Amino acid sequence: MEILLVFVPIYLFISLVAFYKWLKLSVTVSTMESEHKLEIRKLETLLEDERRKATSSPS
């Protein structure tokens, strides 16, 4: 029974640390995905502007 008093808190602590690291990583990945989506939108807007300029001005 005494062995449980040692291993259960250690197990809970390790589980908590692992969950915290997983949560932090998933938040980081979500933030990076959002930033990439914004960057893609900016690039698409620039591309559309360049296409409009190319079609509106005669060569």
Protein backbone atom coordinates (compact mmCIF):
# COMPACT_ATOMS: atom_id res chain seq x y z
CA MET A 1 0.00 0.00 0.00
CA GLU A 2 2.85 2.38 0.77
CA ILE A 3 4.19 1.92 -2.74
CA LEU A 4 0.99 3.49 -4.10
CA LEU A 5 1.61 6.56 -1.97
CA VAL A 6 4.86 7.02 -3.87
CA PHE A 7 3.86 6.10 -7.42
CA VAL A 8 0.42 7.69 -7.68
CA PRO A 9 1.62 11.28 -7.06
CA ILE A 10 4.56 10.72 -9.43
CA TYR A 11 2.22 9.35 -12.10
CA LEU A 12 -0.20 12.24 -11.63
CA PHE A 13 2.60 14.79 -11.83
CA ILE A 14 4.04 13.25 -15.01
CA SER A 15 0.56 13.09 -16.55
CA LEU A 16 -0.08 16.72 -15.69
CA VAL A 17 3.23 17.84 -17.19
CA ALA A 18 2.58 15.81 -20.35
CA PHE A 19 -0.92 17.29 -20.69
CA TYR A 20 0.43 20.82 -20.21
CA LYS A 21 3.09 20.29 -22.89
CA TRP A 22 0.52 18.79 -25.29
CA LEU A 23 -1.86 21.70 -24.69
CA LYS A 24 0.90 24.26 -25.19
CA LEU A 25 1.98 22.55 -28.42
CA SER A 26 -1.56 22.41 -29.79
CA VAL A 27 -2.09 26.12 -29.02
CA THR A 28 1.20 26.92 -30.77
CA VAL A 29 0.19 24.89 -33.83
CA SER A 30 -3.22 26.60 -33.95
CA THR A 31 -1.57 30.01 -33.77
CA MET A 32 0.84 29.10 -36.55
CA GLU A 33 -2.02 27.85 -38.73
CA SER A 34 -3.91 31.11 -38.21
CA GLU A 35 -0.83 33.15 -39.10
CA HIS A 36 -0.27 31.09 -42.24
CA LYS A 37 -3.91 31.52 -43.29
CA LEU A 38 -3.58 35.28 -42.88
CA GLU A 39 -0.36 35.27 -44.90
CA ILE A 40 -2.02 33.22 -47.65
CA ARG A 41 -4.93 35.68 -47.79
CA LYS A 42 -2.51 38.60 -48.10
CA LEU A 43 -0.64 36.87 -50.92
CA GLU A 44 -3.88 35.99 -52.71
CA THR A 45 -4.98 39.63 -52.47
CA LEU A 46 -1.66 40.80 -53.89
CA LEU A 47 -1.93 38.26 -56.70
CA GLU A 48 -5.45 39.42 -57.57
CA ASP A 49 -4.28 43.05 -57.59
CA GLU A 50 -1.42 42.18 -59.92
CA ARG A 51 -3.79 40.29 -62.22
CA ARG A 52 -6.15 43.28 -62.34
CA LYS A 53 -3.25 45.61 -63.16
CA ALA A 54 -2.05 43.26 -65.89
CA THR A 55 -5.50 42.95 -67.49
CA SER A 56 -6.44 46.63 -67.16
CA SER A 57 -3.25 48.09 -68.63
CA PRO A 58 -2.71 47.28 -72.32
CA SER A 59 0.67 45.80 -73.17
